[in-house]
Amino acid sequence: FSALNTLEKAIEKYPASSVIEEAYGAVLMLTGRKDEAREILTGNGGSSNTGSEGLRVLIDDAVDTEDWNAAEEYAQRLLAGDDSIGAGLSAWKVWYLQQKFDTALKISEKLYEDFPESTETAIVYIKTLVGMNRRLQAERIINQILPTESDAQKRSELYYLKSLTDDSEEEKLQSLRSALFEDLQNIDALLNIAILYTDMG
């Protein structure tokens, strides 16, 4: 609440600052005052030209409420004005979560091409390929990245995704064990290894 008080004072002092206004809207959203946040961030009583940070907050809100039409509108506006990794990832999830893989593929493929050193962009590209059942292509990328990735959580995610491309139960089991070795908090890997053990009797 101290952050809200500070931002309210800042708005009084700098009423024309869209940056302060968007920060205020974002904090309102985080504190549960969602109607007020939406009013500010969508331009009703606030800025009529919401910036990247505000759009990302609105995307998260629309995804949470499953207002997919609004989410897609915000994502398109975000992509039109921001070519950063963060913007691309926010937009990608809108179509990926709806299983609209053709659009998700275009976004993730561009992210992967524009930021080839980022494992995060590679992971969303791999997820999209797996969703489209393009397992061989996904596996090739995983095998390229794994030997050089040092972050345990990202390695765990990559091993989990590899399990989705593996053919045999034994291969899947090995990949899932590797995922959990890297990060025991990988819930997807925990669930899948439990299901696999059950299927194997």
N, C-alpha and C. Protein backbone atom coordinates (compact mmCIF):
# COMPACT_ATOMS: atom_id res chain seq x y z
N PHE A 1 0.81 -1.21 0.00
CA PHE A 1 0.00 0.00 0.00
C PHE A 1 0.85 1.26 0.00
N SER A 2 2.05 1.16 0.52
CA SER A 2 2.95 2.32 0.47
C SER A 2 3.28 2.67 -0.98
N ALA A 3 3.38 1.64 -1.85
CA ALA A 3 3.64 1.89 -3.26
C ALA A 3 2.48 2.66 -3.89
N LEU A 4 1.25 2.30 -3.52
CA LEU A 4 0.08 3.01 -4.05
C LEU A 4 0.09 4.47 -3.61
N ASN A 5 0.39 4.68 -2.33
CA ASN A 5 0.41 6.06 -1.81
C ASN A 5 1.45 6.89 -2.54
N THR A 6 2.61 6.30 -2.76
CA THR A 6 3.68 7.01 -3.45
C THR A 6 3.27 7.36 -4.88
N LEU A 7 2.66 6.39 -5.57
CA LEU A 7 2.25 6.63 -6.96
C LEU A 7 1.11 7.64 -7.04
N GLU A 8 0.19 7.61 -6.07
CA GLU A 8 -0.90 8.60 -6.06
C GLU A 8 -0.35 10.01 -5.94
N LYS A 9 0.67 10.17 -5.09
CA LYS A 9 1.30 11.49 -4.93
C LYS A 9 2.04 11.88 -6.21
N ALA A 10 2.66 10.88 -6.85
CA ALA A 10 3.40 11.16 -8.08
C ALA A 10 2.45 11.59 -9.20
N ILE A 11 1.26 10.96 -9.25
CA ILE A 11 0.27 11.33 -10.27
C ILE A 11 -0.21 12.76 -10.07
N GLU A 12 -0.40 13.15 -8.79
CA GLU A 12 -0.81 14.53 -8.50
C GLU A 12 0.26 15.52 -8.95
N LYS A 13 1.50 15.13 -8.79
CA LYS A 13 2.61 16.03 -9.13
C LYS A 13 2.89 16.02 -10.63
N TYR A 14 2.76 14.84 -11.26
CA TYR A 14 3.05 14.72 -12.69
C TYR A 14 1.84 14.09 -13.40
N PRO A 15 0.74 14.84 -13.53
CA PRO A 15 -0.50 14.26 -14.09
C PRO A 15 -0.40 13.85 -15.55
N ALA A 16 0.59 14.35 -16.26
CA ALA A 16 0.72 14.03 -17.69
C ALA A 16 1.64 12.84 -17.95
N SER A 17 2.19 12.23 -16.89
CA SER A 17 3.15 11.14 -17.06
C SER A 17 2.43 9.81 -17.27
N SER A 18 2.51 9.28 -18.48
CA SER A 18 1.88 7.99 -18.77
C SER A 18 2.63 6.84 -18.07
N VAL A 19 3.93 7.01 -17.86
CA VAL A 19 4.71 5.97 -17.18
C VAL A 19 4.23 5.78 -15.75
N ILE A 20 4.03 6.89 -15.04
CA ILE A 20 3.55 6.82 -13.65
C ILE A 20 2.13 6.26 -13.63
N GLU A 21 1.32 6.69 -14.56
CA GLU A 21 -0.06 6.24 -14.63
C GLU A 21 -0.14 4.73 -14.85
N GLU A 22 0.69 4.21 -15.75
CA GLU A 22 0.70 2.77 -16.00
C GLU A 22 1.22 1.98 -14.80
N ALA A 23 2.22 2.54 -14.13
CA ALA A 23 2.73 1.88 -12.93
C ALA A 23 1.65 1.83 -11.86
N TYR A 24 0.89 2.90 -11.75
CA TYR A 24 -0.22 2.96 -10.78
C TYR A 24 -1.28 1.90 -11.13
N GLY A 25 -1.61 1.81 -12.40
CA GLY A 25 -2.58 0.80 -12.84
C GLY A 25 -2.09 -0.61 -12.56
N ALA A 26 -0.81 -0.85 -12.80
CA ALA A 26 -0.24 -2.18 -12.55
C ALA A 26 -0.31 -2.55 -11.08
N VAL A 27 0.01 -1.60 -10.21
CA VAL A 27 -0.03 -1.87 -8.76
C VAL A 27 -1.47 -2.08 -8.29
N LEU A 28 -2.40 -1.30 -8.84
CA LEU A 28 -3.81 -1.50 -8.51
C LEU A 28 -4.24 -2.93 -8.86
N MET A 29 -3.80 -3.42 -10.03
CA MET A 29 -4.14 -4.77 -10.46
C MET A 29 -3.58 -5.80 -9.47
N LEU A 30 -2.35 -5.59 -9.04
CA LEU A 30 -1.70 -6.52 -8.12
C LEU A 30 -2.38 -6.55 -6.75
N THR A 31 -2.95 -5.41 -6.35
CA THR A 31 -3.60 -5.33 -5.04
C THR A 31 -5.08 -5.71 -5.09
N GLY A 32 -5.54 -6.18 -6.26
CA GLY A 32 -6.91 -6.66 -6.36
C GLY A 32 -7.94 -5.63 -6.76
N ARG A 33 -7.52 -4.39 -6.98
CA ARG A 33 -8.46 -3.33 -7.40
C ARG A 33 -8.51 -3.32 -8.93
N LYS A 34 -9.06 -4.41 -9.46
CA LYS A 34 -8.93 -4.66 -10.89
C LYS A 34 -9.78 -3.73 -11.75
N ASP A 35 -10.97 -3.41 -11.30
CA ASP A 35 -11.82 -2.51 -12.09
C ASP A 35 -11.17 -1.15 -12.26
N GLU A 36 -10.60 -0.63 -11.16
CA GLU A 36 -9.91 0.66 -11.24
C GLU A 36 -8.70 0.56 -12.16
N ALA A 37 -7.97 -0.55 -12.04
CA ALA A 37 -6.78 -0.74 -12.87
C ALA A 37 -7.14 -0.78 -14.35
N ARG A 38 -8.20 -1.53 -14.67
CA ARG A 38 -8.63 -1.62 -16.08
C ARG A 38 -9.03 -0.25 -16.60
N GLU A 39 -9.72 0.53 -15.77
CA GLU A 39 -10.17 1.85 -16.19
C GLU A 39 -8.98 2.74 -16.55
N ILE A 40 -7.94 2.67 -15.74
CA ILE A 40 -6.75 3.48 -16.00
C ILE A 40 -5.99 2.96 -17.21
N LEU A 41 -5.79 1.65 -17.27
CA LEU A 41 -4.92 1.08 -18.30
C LEU A 41 -5.57 1.01 -19.68
N THR A 42 -6.90 1.00 -19.72
CA THR A 42 -7.55 0.94 -21.03
C THR A 42 -7.89 2.32 -21.58
N GLY A 43 -7.63 3.36 -20.79
CA GLY A 43 -7.82 4.70 -21.31
C GLY A 43 -9.08 5.39 -20.84
N ASN A 44 -9.96 4.70 -20.11
CA ASN A 44 -11.16 5.33 -19.58
C ASN A 44 -10.80 6.05 -18.29
N GLY A 45 -10.51 7.31 -18.42
CA GLY A 45 -10.07 8.07 -17.25
C GLY A 45 -8.56 8.08 -17.13
N GLY A 46 -7.89 7.47 -18.07
CA GLY A 46 -6.43 7.43 -18.03
C GLY A 46 -5.87 7.65 -19.42
N SER A 47 -4.71 7.10 -19.67
CA SER A 47 -4.05 7.29 -20.96
C SER A 47 -4.82 6.57 -22.07
N SER A 48 -4.98 7.22 -23.21
CA SER A 48 -5.66 6.59 -24.34
C SER A 48 -4.69 5.80 -25.20
N ASN A 49 -3.42 5.85 -24.85
CA ASN A 49 -2.41 5.14 -25.64
C ASN A 49 -1.55 4.32 -24.69
N THR A 50 -2.12 3.22 -24.21
CA THR A 50 -1.44 2.39 -23.21
C THR A 50 -0.11 1.87 -23.74
N GLY A 51 0.93 1.99 -22.92
CA GLY A 51 2.26 1.53 -23.31
C GLY A 51 2.47 0.04 -23.06
N SER A 52 3.69 -0.41 -23.30
CA SER A 52 4.00 -1.84 -23.24
C SER A 52 3.71 -2.46 -21.89
N GLU A 53 4.16 -1.79 -20.81
CA GLU A 53 3.97 -2.38 -19.48
C GLU A 53 2.49 -2.50 -19.14
N GLY A 54 1.72 -1.46 -19.49
CA GLY A 54 0.29 -1.52 -19.24
C GLY A 54 -0.39 -2.61 -20.04
N LEU A 55 0.01 -2.77 -21.29
CA LEU A 55 -0.58 -3.82 -22.12
C LEU A 55 -0.25 -5.21 -21.60
N ARG A 56 0.94 -5.38 -21.08
CA ARG A 56 1.30 -6.69 -20.54
C ARG A 56 0.47 -7.02 -19.29
N VAL A 57 0.20 -6.01 -18.48
CA VAL A 57 -0.67 -6.21 -17.32
C VAL A 57 -2.08 -6.57 -17.77
N LEU A 58 -2.57 -5.87 -18.80
CA LEU A 58 -3.91 -6.14 -19.31
C LEU A 58 -4.01 -7.53 -19.95
N ILE A 59 -2.93 -7.96 -20.61
CA ILE A 59 -2.91 -9.32 -21.18
C ILE A 59 -3.03 -10.36 -20.07
N ASP A 60 -2.25 -10.21 -19.01
CA ASP A 60 -2.31 -11.16 -17.89
C ASP A 60 -3.72 -11.21 -17.30
N ASP A 61 -4.33 -10.04 -17.15
CA ASP A 61 -5.68 -9.96 -16.59
C ASP A 61 -6.68 -10.65 -17.52
N ALA A 62 -6.58 -10.39 -18.83
CA ALA A 62 -7.51 -10.98 -19.79
C ALA A 62 -7.33 -12.50 -19.86
N VAL A 63 -6.09 -12.97 -19.76
CA VAL A 63 -5.83 -14.42 -19.75
C VAL A 63 -6.44 -15.05 -18.50
N ASP A 64 -6.26 -14.39 -17.35
CA ASP A 64 -6.81 -14.92 -16.10
C ASP A 64 -8.33 -15.05 -16.16
N THR A 65 -8.98 -14.09 -16.81
CA THR A 65 -10.44 -14.11 -16.90
C THR A 65 -10.94 -14.82 -18.16
N GLU A 66 -9.99 -15.31 -18.96
CA GLU A 66 -10.29 -16.01 -20.22
C GLU A 66 -11.10 -15.13 -21.18
N ASP A 67 -10.80 -13.84 -21.17
CA ASP A 67 -11.38 -12.92 -22.14
C ASP A 67 -10.44 -12.88 -23.33
N TRP A 68 -10.56 -13.88 -24.19
CA TRP A 68 -9.55 -14.10 -25.23
C TRP A 68 -9.60 -13.03 -26.32
N ASN A 69 -10.77 -12.49 -26.61
CA ASN A 69 -10.84 -11.42 -27.61
C ASN A 69 -10.04 -10.20 -27.16
N ALA A 70 -10.22 -9.83 -25.89
CA ALA A 70 -9.46 -8.70 -25.35
C ALA A 70 -7.98 -9.02 -25.31
N ALA A 71 -7.64 -10.25 -24.89
CA ALA A 71 -6.24 -10.65 -24.80
C ALA A 71 -5.55 -10.55 -26.16
N GLU A 72 -6.24 -11.00 -27.21
CA GLU A 72 -5.66 -10.93 -28.55
C GLU A 72 -5.50 -9.49 -29.02
N GLU A 73 -6.48 -8.65 -28.70
CA GLU A 73 -6.37 -7.23 -29.09
C GLU A 73 -5.17 -6.58 -28.40
N TYR A 74 -5.04 -6.81 -27.10
CA TYR A 74 -3.90 -6.23 -26.37
C TYR A 74 -2.57 -6.78 -26.90
N ALA A 75 -2.55 -8.08 -27.19
CA ALA A 75 -1.32 -8.70 -27.68
C ALA A 75 -0.91 -8.13 -29.04
N GLN A 76 -1.87 -7.93 -29.91
CA GLN A 76 -1.57 -7.35 -31.22
C GLN A 76 -1.03 -5.92 -31.09
N ARG A 77 -1.64 -5.15 -30.20
CA ARG A 77 -1.16 -3.78 -29.96
C ARG A 77 0.25 -3.81 -29.37
N LEU A 78 0.50 -4.75 -28.49
CA LEU A 78 1.82 -4.87 -27.87
C LEU A 78 2.88 -5.20 -28.90
N LEU A 79 2.60 -6.19 -29.76
CA LEU A 79 3.56 -6.59 -30.78
C LEU A 79 3.83 -5.47 -31.79
N ALA A 80 2.81 -4.64 -32.05
CA ALA A 80 2.96 -3.56 -33.03
C ALA A 80 3.93 -2.48 -32.54
N GLY A 81 4.05 -2.35 -31.21
CA GLY A 81 4.87 -1.27 -30.70
C GLY A 81 6.10 -1.68 -29.90
N ASP A 82 6.30 -2.99 -29.73
CA ASP A 82 7.40 -3.45 -28.88
C ASP A 82 7.93 -4.77 -29.42
N ASP A 83 9.21 -4.80 -29.79
CA ASP A 83 9.80 -6.02 -30.34
C ASP A 83 10.76 -6.69 -29.35
N SER A 84 10.56 -6.45 -28.05
CA SER A 84 11.42 -7.04 -27.03
C SER A 84 11.03 -8.48 -26.75
N ILE A 85 11.91 -9.20 -26.04
CA ILE A 85 11.61 -10.59 -25.65
C ILE A 85 10.36 -10.63 -24.77
N GLY A 86 10.30 -9.73 -23.78
CA GLY A 86 9.18 -9.73 -22.85
C GLY A 86 7.84 -9.55 -23.54
N ALA A 87 7.81 -8.63 -24.51
CA ALA A 87 6.57 -8.39 -25.24
C ALA A 87 6.18 -9.63 -26.05
N GLY A 88 7.16 -10.23 -26.72
CA GLY A 88 6.89 -11.42 -27.52
C GLY A 88 6.37 -12.57 -26.69
N LEU A 89 6.97 -12.77 -25.51
CA LEU A 89 6.54 -13.87 -24.64
C LEU A 89 5.12 -13.64 -24.13
N SER A 90 4.81 -12.39 -23.78
CA SER A 90 3.46 -12.07 -23.30
C SER A 90 2.42 -12.32 -24.38
N ALA A 91 2.74 -11.91 -25.60
CA ALA A 91 1.81 -12.11 -26.72
C ALA A 91 1.69 -13.59 -27.08
N TRP A 92 2.82 -14.29 -27.09
CA TRP A 92 2.82 -15.71 -27.48
C TRP A 92 1.85 -16.54 -26.64
N LYS A 93 1.83 -16.30 -25.34
CA LYS A 93 1.01 -17.15 -24.47
C LYS A 93 -0.48 -17.00 -24.75
N VAL A 94 -0.88 -15.83 -25.29
CA VAL A 94 -2.30 -15.62 -25.59
C VAL A 94 -2.79 -16.66 -26.59
N TRP A 95 -2.02 -16.88 -27.65
CA TRP A 95 -2.44 -17.84 -28.68
C TRP A 95 -2.06 -19.27 -28.29
N TYR A 96 -0.94 -19.44 -27.61
CA TYR A 96 -0.53 -20.79 -27.21
C TYR A 96 -1.54 -21.41 -26.25
N LEU A 97 -2.01 -20.64 -25.27
CA LEU A 97 -2.95 -21.18 -24.29
C LEU A 97 -4.31 -21.52 -24.91
N GLN A 98 -4.62 -20.90 -26.04
CA GLN A 98 -5.85 -21.23 -26.75
C GLN A 98 -5.64 -22.37 -27.75
N GLN A 99 -4.40 -22.85 -27.82
CA GLN A 99 -4.00 -23.88 -28.78
C GLN A 99 -4.17 -23.40 -30.22
N LYS A 100 -4.02 -22.10 -30.42
CA LYS A 100 -3.98 -21.55 -31.77
C LYS A 100 -2.52 -21.55 -32.21
N PHE A 101 -2.05 -22.74 -32.56
CA PHE A 101 -0.62 -22.96 -32.72
C PHE A 101 -0.02 -22.27 -33.95
N ASP A 102 -0.82 -22.03 -34.98
CA ASP A 102 -0.27 -21.38 -36.17
C ASP A 102 0.25 -19.97 -35.84
N THR A 103 -0.58 -19.21 -35.10
CA THR A 103 -0.16 -17.86 -34.70
C THR A 103 0.95 -17.92 -33.65
N ALA A 104 0.80 -18.85 -32.70
CA ALA A 104 1.83 -19.01 -31.67
C ALA A 104 3.17 -19.36 -32.31
N LEU A 105 3.13 -20.17 -33.37
CA LEU A 105 4.37 -20.57 -34.05
C LEU A 105 5.05 -19.36 -34.69
N LYS A 106 4.28 -18.51 -35.35
CA LYS A 106 4.86 -17.32 -35.99
C LYS A 106 5.58 -16.45 -34.97
N ILE A 107 4.94 -16.26 -33.81
CA ILE A 107 5.54 -15.40 -32.78
C ILE A 107 6.77 -16.06 -32.19
N SER A 108 6.67 -17.34 -31.84
CA SER A 108 7.80 -18.02 -31.19
C SER A 108 8.97 -18.22 -32.14
N GLU A 109 8.67 -18.47 -33.41
CA GLU A 109 9.72 -18.64 -34.41
C GLU A 109 10.51 -17.34 -34.59
N LYS A 110 9.79 -16.21 -34.63
CA LYS A 110 10.44 -14.91 -34.77
C LYS A 110 11.29 -14.62 -33.53
N LEU A 111 10.76 -14.92 -32.35
CA LEU A 111 11.53 -14.73 -31.12
C LEU A 111 12.82 -15.54 -31.14
N TYR A 112 12.70 -16.78 -31.58
CA TYR A 112 13.87 -17.68 -31.62
C TYR A 112 14.91 -17.18 -32.62
N GLU A 113 14.44 -16.64 -33.74
CA GLU A 113 15.37 -16.12 -34.76
C GLU A 113 16.00 -14.79 -34.31
N ASP A 114 15.19 -13.94 -33.66
CA ASP A 114 15.69 -12.62 -33.26
C ASP A 114 16.60 -12.69 -32.04
N PHE A 115 16.37 -13.68 -31.16
CA PHE A 115 17.15 -13.80 -29.92
C PHE A 115 17.69 -15.23 -29.80
N PRO A 116 18.63 -15.60 -30.68
CA PRO A 116 19.11 -16.99 -30.71
C PRO A 116 19.89 -17.42 -29.46
N GLU A 117 20.38 -16.45 -28.68
CA GLU A 117 21.13 -16.80 -27.48
C GLU A 117 20.23 -17.01 -26.26
N SER A 118 18.94 -16.74 -26.41
CA SER A 118 18.01 -16.84 -25.28
C SER A 118 17.39 -18.23 -25.20
N THR A 119 17.64 -18.92 -24.10
CA THR A 119 17.01 -20.23 -23.89
C THR A 119 15.51 -20.07 -23.69
N GLU A 120 15.10 -18.95 -23.11
CA GLU A 120 13.68 -18.71 -22.87
C GLU A 120 12.89 -18.68 -24.18
N THR A 121 13.43 -18.02 -25.19
CA THR A 121 12.74 -17.98 -26.48
C THR A 121 12.76 -19.35 -27.15
N ALA A 122 13.85 -20.08 -26.96
CA ALA A 122 13.93 -21.44 -27.52
C ALA A 122 12.87 -22.34 -26.89
N ILE A 123 12.67 -22.19 -25.58
CA ILE A 123 11.70 -23.04 -24.88
C ILE A 123 10.28 -22.82 -25.39
N VAL A 124 9.89 -21.55 -25.62
CA VAL A 124 8.53 -21.33 -26.11
C VAL A 124 8.38 -21.83 -27.55
N TYR A 125 9.45 -21.74 -28.31
CA TYR A 125 9.42 -22.29 -29.68
C TYR A 125 9.27 -23.81 -29.63
N ILE A 126 10.03 -24.44 -28.75
CA ILE A 126 9.94 -25.90 -28.61
C ILE A 126 8.55 -26.31 -28.14
N LYS A 127 8.00 -25.59 -27.16
CA LYS A 127 6.65 -25.91 -26.68
C LYS A 127 5.62 -25.86 -27.80
N THR A 128 5.77 -24.85 -28.66
CA THR A 128 4.84 -24.71 -29.77
C THR A 128 4.99 -25.86 -30.76
N LEU A 129 6.24 -26.22 -31.06
CA LEU A 129 6.48 -27.34 -31.97
C LEU A 129 5.92 -28.63 -31.41
N VAL A 130 6.10 -28.85 -30.11
CA VAL A 130 5.55 -30.06 -29.47
C VAL A 130 4.02 -30.04 -29.55
N GLY A 131 3.43 -28.87 -29.32
CA GLY A 131 1.97 -28.74 -29.41
C GLY A 131 1.44 -29.07 -30.80
N MET A 132 2.27 -28.84 -31.81
CA MET A 132 1.89 -29.13 -33.19
C MET A 132 2.35 -30.52 -33.63
N ASN A 133 2.90 -31.28 -32.68
CA ASN A 133 3.39 -32.64 -32.93
C ASN A 133 4.56 -32.68 -33.90
N ARG A 134 5.34 -31.60 -33.93
CA ARG A 134 6.55 -31.57 -34.76
C ARG A 134 7.73 -31.95 -33.85
N ARG A 135 7.70 -33.23 -33.45
CA ARG A 135 8.61 -33.68 -32.39
C ARG A 135 10.07 -33.73 -32.82
N LEU A 136 10.34 -34.13 -34.05
CA LEU A 136 11.74 -34.24 -34.49
C LEU A 136 12.41 -32.88 -34.51
N GLN A 137 11.70 -31.87 -34.99
CA GLN A 137 12.26 -30.52 -35.03
C GLN A 137 12.50 -30.01 -33.60
N ALA A 138 11.55 -30.27 -32.71
CA ALA A 138 11.69 -29.86 -31.32
C ALA A 138 12.90 -30.55 -30.67
N GLU A 139 13.04 -31.84 -30.93
CA GLU A 139 14.14 -32.60 -30.33
C GLU A 139 15.50 -32.11 -30.81
N ARG A 140 15.59 -31.74 -32.07
CA ARG A 140 16.87 -31.22 -32.60
C ARG A 140 17.29 -29.95 -31.85
N ILE A 141 16.34 -29.07 -31.61
CA ILE A 141 16.66 -27.82 -30.91
C ILE A 141 17.05 -28.11 -29.46
N ILE A 142 16.33 -29.01 -28.82
CA ILE A 142 16.65 -29.39 -27.44
C ILE A 142 18.08 -29.93 -27.35
N ASN A 143 18.43 -30.81 -28.27
CA ASN A 143 19.76 -31.42 -28.26
C ASN A 143 20.87 -30.40 -28.54
N GLN A 144 20.54 -29.33 -29.25
CA GLN A 144 21.52 -28.28 -29.49
C GLN A 144 21.76 -27.43 -28.24
N ILE A 145 20.70 -27.19 -27.49
CA ILE A 145 20.78 -26.25 -26.37
C ILE A 145 21.28 -26.90 -25.08
N LEU A 146 20.83 -28.11 -24.80
CA LEU A 146 21.12 -28.76 -23.51
C LEU A 146 22.61 -28.78 -23.13
N PRO A 147 23.51 -29.11 -24.05
CA PRO A 147 24.93 -29.21 -23.64
C PRO A 147 25.54 -27.90 -23.15
N THR A 148 24.97 -26.76 -23.55
CA THR A 148 25.57 -25.47 -23.18
C THR A 148 24.76 -24.71 -22.13
N GLU A 149 23.58 -25.20 -21.79
CA GLU A 149 22.74 -24.49 -20.82
C GLU A 149 23.19 -24.80 -19.40
N SER A 150 23.46 -23.78 -18.60
CA SER A 150 23.96 -23.99 -17.24
C SER A 150 22.90 -23.79 -16.16
N ASP A 151 21.80 -23.13 -16.49
CA ASP A 151 20.76 -22.87 -15.50
C ASP A 151 19.95 -24.14 -15.24
N ALA A 152 19.87 -24.54 -13.97
CA ALA A 152 19.24 -25.82 -13.61
C ALA A 152 17.76 -25.84 -13.96
N GLN A 153 17.04 -24.77 -13.72
CA GLN A 153 15.61 -24.76 -14.00
C GLN A 153 15.33 -24.85 -15.50
N LYS A 154 16.14 -24.18 -16.28
CA LYS A 154 15.96 -24.24 -17.73
C LYS A 154 16.34 -25.61 -18.26
N ARG A 155 17.41 -26.20 -17.70
CA ARG A 155 17.78 -27.56 -18.09
C ARG A 155 16.66 -28.54 -17.75
N SER A 156 16.04 -28.34 -16.59
CA SER A 156 14.93 -29.20 -16.17
C SER A 156 13.76 -29.08 -17.15
N GLU A 157 13.45 -27.84 -17.55
CA GLU A 157 12.37 -27.62 -18.51
C GLU A 157 12.68 -28.28 -19.84
N LEU A 158 13.94 -28.19 -20.27
CA LEU A 158 14.33 -28.80 -21.54
C LEU A 158 14.24 -30.32 -21.49
N TYR A 159 14.66 -30.91 -20.37
CA TYR A 159 14.55 -32.37 -20.23
C TYR A 159 13.08 -32.80 -20.21
N TYR A 160 12.24 -32.00 -19.54
CA TYR A 160 10.81 -32.32 -19.53
C TYR A 160 10.24 -32.28 -20.95
N LEU A 161 10.58 -31.24 -21.69
CA LEU A 161 10.10 -31.14 -23.08
C LEU A 161 10.65 -32.28 -23.94
N LYS A 162 11.89 -32.69 -23.65
CA LYS A 162 12.46 -33.83 -24.38
C LYS A 162 11.63 -35.09 -24.13
N SER A 163 11.13 -35.24 -22.91
CA SER A 163 10.32 -36.43 -22.61
C SER A 163 9.07 -36.49 -23.48
N LEU A 164 8.59 -35.32 -23.91
CA LEU A 164 7.40 -35.27 -24.76
C LEU A 164 7.71 -35.64 -26.21
N THR A 165 9.00 -35.67 -26.55
CA THR A 165 9.41 -36.05 -27.91
C THR A 165 9.95 -37.47 -27.96
N ASP A 166 10.21 -38.07 -26.80
CA ASP A 166 10.78 -39.42 -26.76
C ASP A 166 9.75 -40.45 -27.22
N ASP A 167 10.25 -41.53 -27.82
CA ASP A 167 9.37 -42.57 -28.34
C ASP A 167 9.05 -43.65 -27.32
N SER A 168 10.06 -44.15 -26.63
CA SER A 168 9.84 -45.29 -25.74
C SER A 168 9.60 -44.83 -24.30
N GLU A 169 8.98 -45.72 -23.51
CA GLU A 169 8.75 -45.42 -22.10
C GLU A 169 10.06 -45.24 -21.36
N GLU A 170 11.06 -46.05 -21.70
CA GLU A 170 12.35 -45.96 -21.01
C GLU A 170 13.04 -44.62 -21.29
N GLU A 171 12.95 -44.16 -22.54
CA GLU A 171 13.52 -42.86 -22.89
C GLU A 171 12.80 -41.73 -22.16
N LYS A 172 11.48 -41.82 -22.12
CA LYS A 172 10.70 -40.81 -21.41
C LYS A 172 11.07 -40.79 -19.93
N LEU A 173 11.21 -41.98 -19.35
CA LEU A 173 11.54 -42.09 -17.93
C LEU A 173 12.90 -41.46 -17.65
N GLN A 174 13.88 -41.70 -18.51
CA GLN A 174 15.21 -41.14 -18.32
C GLN A 174 15.18 -39.62 -18.41
N SER A 175 14.43 -39.09 -19.37
CA SER A 175 14.34 -37.64 -19.52
C SER A 175 13.66 -37.00 -18.31
N LEU A 176 12.61 -37.64 -17.82
CA LEU A 176 11.90 -37.10 -16.66
C LEU A 176 12.75 -37.18 -15.40
N ARG A 177 13.51 -38.25 -15.24
CA ARG A 177 14.43 -38.35 -14.11
C ARG A 177 15.47 -37.24 -14.17
N SER A 178 15.97 -36.96 -15.37
CA SER A 178 16.95 -35.89 -15.55
C SER A 178 16.33 -34.54 -15.21
N ALA A 179 15.07 -34.36 -15.62
CA ALA A 179 14.37 -33.10 -15.31
C ALA A 179 14.26 -32.89 -13.81
N LEU A 180 13.94 -33.95 -13.08
CA LEU A 180 13.79 -33.84 -11.63
C LEU A 180 15.13 -33.75 -10.92
N PHE A 181 16.15 -34.33 -11.50
CA PHE A 181 17.51 -34.20 -10.95
C PHE A 181 17.93 -32.73 -10.97
N GLU A 182 17.57 -32.04 -12.04
CA GLU A 182 17.93 -30.62 -12.17
C GLU A 182 17.06 -29.74 -11.28
N ASP A 183 15.77 -30.10 -11.15
CA ASP A 183 14.85 -29.26 -10.37
C ASP A 183 13.71 -30.12 -9.84
N LEU A 184 13.74 -30.41 -8.54
CA LEU A 184 12.70 -31.25 -7.94
C LEU A 184 11.35 -30.54 -7.88
N GLN A 185 11.33 -29.23 -8.12
CA GLN A 185 10.07 -28.47 -8.08
C GLN A 185 9.39 -28.41 -9.45
N ASN A 186 9.90 -29.15 -10.41
CA ASN A 186 9.29 -29.16 -11.74
C ASN A 186 8.01 -30.00 -11.68
N ILE A 187 6.88 -29.31 -11.50
CA ILE A 187 5.60 -29.99 -11.27
C ILE A 187 5.19 -30.83 -12.48
N ASP A 188 5.39 -30.30 -13.68
CA ASP A 188 5.02 -31.05 -14.89
C ASP A 188 5.77 -32.38 -14.95
N ALA A 189 7.06 -32.33 -14.63
CA ALA A 189 7.86 -33.55 -14.65
C ALA A 189 7.39 -34.53 -13.57
N LEU A 190 7.07 -34.01 -12.38
CA LEU A 190 6.59 -34.87 -11.30
C LEU A 190 5.29 -35.57 -11.69
N LEU A 191 4.36 -34.83 -12.25
CA LEU A 191 3.08 -35.41 -12.65
C LEU A 191 3.27 -36.45 -13.74
N ASN A 192 4.10 -36.13 -14.73
CA ASN A 192 4.27 -37.05 -15.85
C ASN A 192 5.01 -38.32 -15.46
N ILE A 193 5.96 -38.19 -14.53
CA ILE A 193 6.68 -39.40 -14.13
C ILE A 193 5.75 -40.29 -13.29
N ALA A 194 4.85 -39.68 -12.50
CA ALA A 194 3.88 -40.46 -11.74
C ALA A 194 2.95 -41.22 -12.69
N ILE A 195 2.48 -40.53 -13.74
CA ILE A 195 1.59 -41.16 -14.72
C ILE A 195 2.32 -42.28 -15.44
N LEU A 196 3.59 -42.03 -15.77
CA LEU A 196 4.38 -43.03 -16.51
C LEU A 196 4.60 -44.28 -15.65
N TYR A 197 4.95 -44.08 -14.38
CA TYR A 197 5.13 -45.23 -13.48
C TYR A 197 3.83 -46.03 -13.35
N THR A 198 2.70 -45.34 -13.29
CA THR A 198 1.40 -46.01 -13.19
C THR A 198 1.15 -46.85 -14.45
N ASP A 199 1.41 -46.23 -15.59
CA ASP A 199 1.20 -46.94 -16.87
C ASP A 199 2.11 -48.16 -16.99
N MET A 200 3.32 -48.07 -16.40
CA MET A 200 4.27 -49.18 -16.46
C MET A 200 3.99 -50.25 -15.39
N GLY A 201 3.02 -49.94 -14.52
CA GLY A 201 2.65 -50.91 -13.49
C GLY A 201 3.57 -50.92 -12.30
